[in-house]
Amino acid sequence: AEQRVQALMATLAERERTLEQLTSELAHLNATRASYERAIADGEEQARRAEDERDALRPRAEAEASSTAPDIAATEERIDVAREAAASVRSRLASAEERLRETAEAEAQARAPLDQAEQETRRLSAEAKALANLLRPRESDLWPPLIDSLKVQPGYEAALAAALGDELNAPLDEAAPHHWRHLGELESAPALPAGTALAAFVDAPIALSRRLALTGVVSVEDGKRFQKDLLPGQRLVSQRGDVWRWDGYAASADAPSQAAARLEQRNLLESLEEQVNLAKRLRDQAHAEHASAQAEHTAATEAVRAASRELRQREDDLLAAQGEWALAARAVADRTTRLASVEAEIKSLEQAGENARRSVQAAMEALNALPDARAIAEK
């Protein structure tokens, strides 16, 4: 009986060991099963969450993809147009600056003749004024002298002075103590033996008509030769101022003559006045040419200013177009970056969902591969 008890005890101990092992195996199996079930639940949750997040991102991606992108080509076209406009104005400015240099040179060249003409006009005017003041009758002269009311051809001043002498200072006013009086033309003036009547060279008052008609202008040789042929009242004179009278009186041109000097001065004054008038005309012409050159220079200056202003405007337009292009390019780049980021995030979520589903599938396969807990419990 003792042996049987021992055998039963041994059998009981073996059964207890087997039970303990089976209990351990069952606990491990349940733990493994629970782990796989948690893995399946977690994987399914991760896959669902990834799908939800992906679905939430898709409208954003679609919005980015369908959003209107800035027209880069249009901004580039505006840049080309602005650049061409600036280049055109820059070329026009260069031409205007060249024209400005040309007109400046032309204005400077026109200034020199004008200055010279003005100086010449002032010089001649001063000479004429000084000579006119010298020849002007004195205010104290009640009766202006005859010499101031006649004109003689240049070169015949000495001949006229020789013919009339101090009588040139006599006035035409008959109220004067001594004067010239018009007696009418000679009905039959005797012919001069030689020469040309002095009247041909003198523009004088009619009161001198008789004296001038009876005076001939001859050479020195003819004067000496024809003096004896002179009729009463006649006389001969030379251009240099010699005189031969009908009554035998003769005077050499070597004798000084204030009247001749005054007549020469009057002719000189007339010549100066003509020169003054000519100088004024030349000055006016030079002034007109300078004014024209100055006007062209002014117009060229304004053209340069206008072209400079327009160039600044065109360059501002170009900078604005380039700025628009930069903003558009940045907007396109930002849109592309945002879209790529959303698409990458969606792809990442899809990959995460796929990985989670694979994990769930693997866990389910492993769970199905586990032994049945009831079989272990029945052992």
Protein backbone atom coordinates (compact mmCIF):
# COMPACT_ATOMS: atom_id res chain seq x y z
CA ALA A 1 0.00 0.00 0.00
CA GLU A 2 2.91 2.35 0.71
CA GLN A 3 4.30 1.74 -2.71
CA ARG A 4 0.98 2.52 -4.22
CA VAL A 5 0.81 5.72 -2.28
CA GLN A 6 4.26 6.68 -3.46
CA ALA A 7 3.29 5.86 -6.98
CA LEU A 8 0.20 8.02 -6.64
CA MET A 9 2.27 10.78 -5.15
CA ALA A 10 4.70 10.57 -8.03
CA THR A 11 1.87 10.59 -10.50
CA LEU A 12 0.31 13.57 -8.71
CA ALA A 13 3.58 15.46 -8.77
CA GLU A 14 3.94 14.75 -12.47
CA ARG A 15 0.42 15.89 -13.10
CA GLU A 16 1.07 19.07 -11.11
CA ARG A 17 4.17 19.74 -13.16
CA THR A 18 2.25 19.15 -16.36
CA LEU A 19 -0.55 21.38 -15.16
CA GLU A 20 1.91 24.09 -14.27
CA GLN A 21 3.51 23.82 -17.72
CA LEU A 22 0.17 23.86 -19.45
CA THR A 23 -0.94 26.79 -17.36
CA SER A 24 2.21 28.64 -18.30
CA GLU A 25 1.74 27.75 -21.94
CA LEU A 26 -1.87 28.90 -21.81
CA ALA A 27 -0.93 32.17 -20.15
CA HIS A 28 1.77 32.76 -22.75
CA LEU A 29 -0.69 31.90 -25.51
CA ASN A 30 -3.28 34.29 -24.14
CA ALA A 31 -0.68 37.01 -23.73
CA THR A 32 0.50 36.47 -27.29
CA ARG A 33 -3.05 36.43 -28.54
CA ALA A 34 -3.80 39.67 -26.65
CA SER A 35 -0.62 41.23 -28.06
CA TYR A 36 -1.63 40.33 -31.60
CA GLU A 37 -5.14 41.58 -31.00
CA ARG A 38 -3.75 44.90 -29.70
CA ALA A 39 -1.45 45.09 -32.70
CA ILE A 40 -4.41 44.52 -34.97
CA ALA A 41 -6.49 47.15 -33.18
CA ASP A 42 -3.59 49.65 -33.18
CA GLY A 43 -2.82 48.97 -36.85
CA GLU A 44 -6.44 49.42 -37.82
CA GLU A 45 -6.55 52.68 -35.80
CA GLN A 46 -3.36 53.92 -37.46
CA ALA A 47 -4.68 53.04 -40.93
CA ARG A 48 -7.99 54.79 -40.20
CA ARG A 49 -6.27 57.86 -38.81
CA ALA A 50 -3.90 58.00 -41.81
CA GLU A 51 -6.85 57.74 -44.19
CA ASP A 52 -8.73 60.45 -42.31
CA GLU A 53 -5.76 62.77 -42.37
CA ARG A 54 -5.16 61.98 -46.04
CA ASP A 55 -8.79 62.66 -46.89
CA ALA A 56 -8.61 65.91 -44.95
CA LEU A 57 -5.56 67.00 -46.96
CA ARG A 58 -6.95 66.16 -50.39
CA PRO A 59 -9.27 69.24 -50.63
CA ARG A 60 -6.27 71.39 -49.77
CA ALA A 61 -4.20 69.75 -52.49
CA GLU A 62 -7.03 70.11 -54.96
CA ALA A 63 -7.43 73.79 -54.02
CA GLU A 64 -3.71 74.41 -54.50
CA ALA A 65 -3.74 72.54 -57.80
CA SER A 66 -6.78 74.39 -59.08
CA SER A 67 -5.71 77.84 -57.86
CA THR A 68 -4.89 80.39 -60.58
CA ALA A 69 -1.15 80.76 -60.92
CA PRO A 70 0.34 84.18 -61.77
CA ASP A 71 1.01 84.64 -65.51
CA ILE A 72 4.80 84.58 -65.65
CA ALA A 73 4.77 84.83 -69.45
CA ALA A 74 2.71 88.03 -69.30
CA THR A 75 5.12 89.63 -66.82
CA GLU A 76 8.08 88.59 -68.98
CA GLU A 77 6.37 90.16 -72.00
CA ARG A 78 5.86 93.39 -70.04
CA ILE A 79 9.55 93.35 -69.12
CA ASP A 80 10.51 92.97 -72.81
CA VAL A 81 8.19 95.83 -73.81
CA ALA A 82 9.53 98.09 -71.03
CA ARG A 83 13.13 97.19 -71.90
CA GLU A 84 12.58 97.99 -75.60
CA ALA A 85 10.88 101.28 -74.69
CA ALA A 86 13.77 102.24 -72.40
CA ALA A 87 16.31 101.32 -75.09
CA SER A 88 14.42 103.41 -77.65
CA VAL A 89 14.32 106.44 -75.34
CA ARG A 90 17.98 105.92 -74.44
CA SER A 91 18.87 106.01 -78.14
CA ARG A 92 16.75 109.12 -78.62
CA LEU A 93 18.46 110.72 -75.61
CA ALA A 94 21.89 110.00 -77.11
CA SER A 95 20.78 111.65 -80.37
CA ALA A 96 19.37 114.62 -78.44
CA GLU A 97 22.63 115.01 -76.50
CA GLU A 98 24.60 114.93 -79.76
CA ARG A 99 22.23 117.54 -81.20
CA LEU A 100 22.71 119.62 -78.04
CA ARG A 101 26.49 119.55 -78.52
CA GLU A 102 26.08 120.58 -82.16
CA THR A 103 23.73 123.45 -81.33
CA ALA A 104 26.01 124.60 -78.51
CA GLU A 105 28.91 124.78 -80.97
CA ALA A 106 26.71 126.54 -83.54
CA GLU A 107 25.52 129.03 -80.91
CA ALA A 108 29.12 129.72 -79.86
CA GLN A 109 30.16 130.15 -83.49
CA ALA A 110 27.24 132.54 -84.10
CA ARG A 111 28.13 134.54 -80.98
CA ALA A 112 31.58 135.57 -82.28
CA PRO A 113 30.30 137.36 -85.45
CA LEU A 114 27.58 139.01 -83.36
CA ASP A 115 30.09 140.33 -80.83
CA GLN A 116 32.32 141.53 -83.65
CA ALA A 117 29.38 143.21 -85.43
CA GLU A 118 28.26 144.91 -82.21
CA GLN A 119 31.78 146.16 -81.53
CA GLU A 120 32.11 147.45 -85.10
CA THR A 121 28.70 149.14 -84.86
CA ARG A 122 29.63 150.81 -81.58
CA ARG A 123 33.00 151.93 -82.97
CA LEU A 124 31.57 153.41 -86.15
CA SER A 125 28.64 154.97 -84.28
CA ALA A 126 31.05 156.59 -81.84
CA GLU A 127 33.18 157.97 -84.70
CA ALA A 128 30.11 159.23 -86.55
CA LYS A 129 28.70 160.81 -83.40
CA ALA A 130 31.97 162.53 -82.59
CA LEU A 131 32.30 163.86 -86.15
CA ALA A 132 28.64 164.94 -86.22
CA ASN A 133 29.14 166.83 -82.96
CA LEU A 134 32.18 168.51 -84.52
CA LEU A 135 30.25 169.53 -87.63
CA ARG A 136 27.04 170.51 -85.83
CA PRO A 137 26.34 174.23 -86.14
CA ARG A 138 27.00 176.14 -82.97
CA GLU A 139 23.90 177.12 -81.04
CA SER A 140 25.10 180.71 -81.18
CA ASP A 141 24.90 180.66 -85.02
CA LEU A 142 21.71 182.50 -85.90
CA TRP A 143 22.11 181.65 -89.56
CA PRO A 144 23.53 178.19 -90.41
CA PRO A 145 26.27 178.39 -93.07
CA LEU A 146 25.68 177.27 -96.65
CA ILE A 147 28.38 174.60 -96.33
CA ASP A 148 26.14 172.53 -94.08
CA SER A 149 23.32 172.38 -96.65
CA LEU A 150 25.16 170.93 -99.65
CA LYS A 151 26.76 167.66 -100.68
CA VAL A 152 29.84 167.17 -102.81
CA GLN A 153 31.14 164.01 -104.38
CA PRO A 154 34.14 162.57 -102.56
CA GLY A 155 37.36 163.82 -104.14
CA TYR A 156 35.86 167.20 -105.15
CA GLU A 157 35.83 168.83 -101.71
CA ALA A 158 38.99 170.82 -102.40
CA ALA A 159 37.67 171.94 -105.81
CA LEU A 160 34.45 173.28 -104.27
CA ALA A 161 36.32 174.96 -101.45
CA ALA A 162 38.68 176.57 -103.98
CA ALA A 163 35.72 177.79 -106.05
CA LEU A 164 33.82 179.42 -103.16
CA GLY A 165 36.34 179.83 -100.36
CA ASP A 166 34.97 181.63 -97.30
CA GLU A 167 31.75 182.28 -99.18
CA LEU A 168 30.74 178.73 -98.21
CA ASN A 169 30.20 180.04 -94.69
CA ALA A 170 27.61 182.56 -95.84
CA PRO A 171 24.01 181.57 -94.99
CA LEU A 172 21.04 181.36 -97.34
CA ASP A 173 18.91 183.57 -95.13
CA GLU A 174 18.68 187.02 -96.77
CA ALA A 175 18.21 188.54 -93.32
CA ALA A 176 21.86 187.80 -92.60
CA PRO A 177 24.37 190.62 -93.08
CA HIS A 178 26.04 188.58 -95.82
CA HIS A 179 24.21 185.80 -97.56
CA TRP A 180 23.52 183.92 -100.76
CA ARG A 181 20.49 184.94 -102.79
CA HIS A 182 18.85 183.13 -105.66
CA LEU A 183 18.84 185.24 -108.79
CA GLY A 184 17.53 182.60 -111.13
CA GLU A 185 19.27 180.59 -113.79
CA LEU A 186 21.44 182.36 -116.39
CA GLU A 187 19.52 182.56 -119.62
CA SER A 188 22.59 181.85 -121.68
CA ALA A 189 25.55 180.85 -119.58
CA PRO A 190 28.80 181.28 -121.54
CA ALA A 191 30.56 178.02 -122.33
CA LEU A 192 33.62 177.17 -120.27
CA PRO A 193 36.88 177.00 -122.21
CA ALA A 194 37.72 173.61 -120.68
CA GLY A 195 36.64 171.00 -118.13
CA THR A 196 33.26 170.10 -116.64
CA ALA A 197 31.01 172.44 -114.72
CA LEU A 198 31.41 172.04 -110.96
CA ALA A 199 27.62 171.71 -110.70
CA ALA A 200 28.01 168.14 -111.96
CA PHE A 201 29.80 167.17 -108.76
CA VAL A 202 27.86 169.18 -106.19
CA ASP A 203 24.31 168.89 -104.85
CA ALA A 204 23.76 172.43 -103.63
CA PRO A 205 20.93 174.91 -103.04
CA ILE A 206 19.68 176.67 -106.16
CA ALA A 207 21.23 179.92 -104.97
CA LEU A 208 24.64 178.48 -106.02
CA SER A 209 23.52 177.53 -109.51
CA ARG A 210 25.18 180.50 -111.25
CA ARG A 211 28.52 180.12 -109.42
CA LEU A 212 28.65 176.38 -110.06
CA ALA A 213 27.69 176.78 -113.72
CA LEU A 214 30.50 179.32 -114.25
CA THR A 215 33.16 177.14 -112.57
CA GLY A 216 34.89 174.33 -114.44
CA VAL A 217 36.88 171.43 -113.05
CA VAL A 218 40.11 170.86 -114.98
CA SER A 219 43.58 169.47 -114.59
CA VAL A 220 46.39 171.68 -113.34
CA GLU A 221 47.87 171.90 -116.81
CA ASP A 222 44.55 172.88 -118.41
CA GLY A 223 43.92 175.44 -115.72
CA LYS A 224 47.08 177.28 -116.46
CA ARG A 225 46.56 176.99 -120.21
CA PHE A 226 42.90 178.06 -120.39
CA GLN A 227 42.87 180.78 -117.72
CA LYS A 228 43.36 183.43 -120.37
CA ASP A 229 40.25 182.19 -122.23
CA LEU A 230 37.94 182.68 -119.29
CA LEU A 231 35.07 185.15 -119.63
CA PRO A 232 34.06 187.56 -116.88
CA GLY A 233 32.67 185.62 -113.88
CA GLN A 234 34.21 182.31 -114.91
CA ARG A 235 36.88 180.38 -113.05
CA LEU A 236 38.64 177.02 -113.24
CA VAL A 237 39.52 174.72 -110.33
CA SER A 238 41.42 171.45 -109.99
CA GLN A 239 40.39 168.50 -107.84
CA ARG A 240 43.29 169.16 -105.50
CA GLY A 241 42.14 172.76 -104.90
CA ASP A 242 43.97 175.04 -107.40
CA VAL A 243 41.96 177.99 -108.71
CA TRP A 244 42.32 180.21 -111.80
CA ARG A 245 40.00 183.19 -112.11
CA TRP A 246 38.96 185.15 -115.24
CA ASP A 247 40.57 188.35 -113.93
CA GLY A 248 44.04 186.74 -113.69
CA TYR A 249 43.90 185.72 -110.05
CA ALA A 250 45.32 182.24 -109.33
CA ALA A 251 45.82 180.32 -106.06
CA SER A 252 47.76 177.12 -105.46
CA ALA A 253 46.24 174.11 -103.72
CA ASP A 254 49.12 174.28 -101.24
CA ALA A 255 47.28 176.98 -99.31
CA PRO A 256 45.29 175.44 -96.42
CA SER A 257 41.49 175.52 -96.71
CA GLN A 258 39.20 175.10 -93.71
CA ALA A 259 36.22 174.84 -96.04
CA ALA A 260 37.79 171.91 -97.90
CA ALA A 261 38.57 170.22 -94.62
CA ARG A 262 34.98 170.72 -93.46
CA LEU A 263 33.62 169.39 -96.74
CA GLU A 264 35.86 166.34 -96.45
CA GLN A 265 34.67 165.85 -92.89
CA ARG A 266 31.05 166.08 -94.03
CA ASN A 267 31.71 163.48 -96.73
CA LEU A 268 33.52 161.38 -94.17
CA LEU A 269 30.51 161.71 -91.86
CA GLU A 270 28.20 160.63 -94.67
CA SER A 271 30.48 157.68 -95.39
CA LEU A 272 30.57 156.82 -91.69
CA GLU A 273 26.79 156.98 -91.47
CA GLU A 274 26.54 154.60 -94.42
CA GLN A 275 29.06 152.33 -92.72
CA VAL A 276 27.05 152.57 -89.50
CA ASN A 277 23.89 151.60 -91.35
CA LEU A 278 25.69 148.71 -93.01
CA ALA A 279 27.20 147.65 -89.68
CA LYS A 280 23.74 147.76 -88.09
CA ARG A 281 22.33 145.61 -90.88
CA LEU A 282 25.19 143.15 -90.46
CA ARG A 283 24.69 143.26 -86.70
CA ASP A 284 20.96 142.61 -87.11
CA GLN A 285 21.72 139.74 -89.46
CA ALA A 286 24.28 138.32 -87.01
CA HIS A 287 21.79 138.81 -84.20
CA ALA A 288 19.11 136.97 -86.14
CA GLU A 289 21.51 134.12 -86.91
CA HIS A 290 22.61 133.97 -83.27
CA ALA A 291 18.99 134.11 -82.09
CA SER A 292 18.16 131.24 -84.44
CA ALA A 293 21.15 129.23 -83.19
CA GLN A 294 20.22 130.09 -79.61
CA ALA A 295 16.62 128.98 -80.19
CA GLU A 296 17.84 125.71 -81.66
CA HIS A 297 20.15 125.25 -78.67
CA THR A 298 17.27 125.96 -76.29
CA ALA A 299 15.06 123.49 -78.15
CA ALA A 300 17.86 120.89 -78.06
CA THR A 301 18.28 121.49 -74.31
CA GLU A 302 14.57 120.98 -73.72
CA ALA A 303 14.66 117.85 -75.93
CA VAL A 304 17.45 116.41 -73.75
CA ARG A 305 15.49 117.24 -70.60
CA ALA A 306 12.31 115.69 -72.00
CA ALA A 307 14.17 112.56 -73.14
CA SER A 308 15.85 112.31 -69.71
CA ARG A 309 12.50 112.57 -67.96
CA GLU A 310 10.99 109.98 -70.29
CA LEU A 311 13.99 107.67 -69.80
CA ARG A 312 13.57 107.85 -66.03
CA GLN A 313 9.89 106.98 -66.48
CA ARG A 314 10.69 104.08 -68.81
CA GLU A 315 13.35 102.79 -66.40
CA ASP A 316 10.80 103.02 -63.57
CA ASP A 317 8.38 101.06 -65.75
CA LEU A 318 11.07 98.44 -66.35
CA LEU A 319 11.82 98.18 -62.64
CA ALA A 320 8.09 97.86 -61.91
CA ALA A 321 7.73 95.11 -64.54
CA GLN A 322 10.74 93.28 -63.10
CA GLY A 323 9.22 93.64 -59.64
CA GLU A 324 5.94 92.17 -60.89
CA TRP A 325 7.86 89.29 -62.44
CA ALA A 326 9.73 88.66 -59.17
CA LEU A 327 6.46 88.65 -57.20
CA ALA A 328 4.81 86.36 -59.75
CA ALA A 329 7.79 83.99 -59.78
CA ARG A 330 7.84 83.94 -55.98
CA ALA A 331 4.09 83.25 -55.90
CA VAL A 332 4.48 80.39 -58.39
CA ALA A 333 7.38 78.97 -56.42
CA ASP A 334 5.44 79.23 -53.16
CA ARG A 335 2.40 77.58 -54.77
CA THR A 336 4.56 74.81 -56.17
CA THR A 337 6.23 74.33 -52.80
CA ARG A 338 2.91 74.22 -50.96
CA LEU A 339 1.42 71.78 -53.45
CA ALA A 340 4.49 69.56 -53.34
CA SER A 341 4.42 69.65 -49.54
CA VAL A 342 0.74 68.67 -49.39
CA GLU A 343 1.20 65.96 -51.98
CA ALA A 344 4.26 64.63 -50.12
CA GLU A 345 2.28 64.63 -46.87
CA ILE A 346 -0.61 62.79 -48.55
CA LYS A 347 1.82 60.28 -50.00
CA SER A 348 3.42 59.84 -46.60
CA LEU A 349 0.01 59.28 -45.00
CA GLU A 350 -0.93 56.79 -47.70
CA GLN A 351 2.36 54.98 -47.08
CA ALA A 352 1.72 55.03 -43.33
CA GLY A 353 -1.80 53.64 -43.88
CA GLU A 354 -0.44 50.93 -46.15
CA ASN A 355 2.21 50.03 -43.58
CA ALA A 356 -0.45 49.92 -40.84
CA ARG A 357 -2.64 47.66 -42.96
CA ARG A 358 0.29 45.38 -43.63
CA SER A 359 0.99 45.24 -39.90
CA VAL A 360 -2.65 44.37 -39.24
CA GLN A 361 -2.50 41.64 -41.88
CA ALA A 362 0.69 40.23 -40.40
CA ALA A 363 -0.76 40.33 -36.90
CA MET A 364 -3.94 38.60 -38.04
CA GLU A 365 -1.94 35.89 -39.79
CA ALA A 366 0.16 35.40 -36.68
CA LEU A 367 -2.97 35.36 -34.50
CA ASN A 368 -4.58 32.74 -36.71
CA ALA A 369 -1.44 30.67 -36.53
CA LEU A 370 -1.59 30.43 -32.73
CA PRO A 371 -2.75 27.05 -31.28
CA ASP A 372 -6.27 26.70 -29.91
CA ALA A 373 -6.38 27.47 -26.19
CA ARG A 374 -9.12 24.84 -25.68
CA ALA A 375 -6.84 22.10 -26.85
CA ILE A 376 -4.28 23.12 -24.29
CA ALA A 377 -6.95 23.33 -21.63
CA GLU A 378 -8.16 19.77 -22.42
CA LYS A 379 -4.73 18.21 -21.97
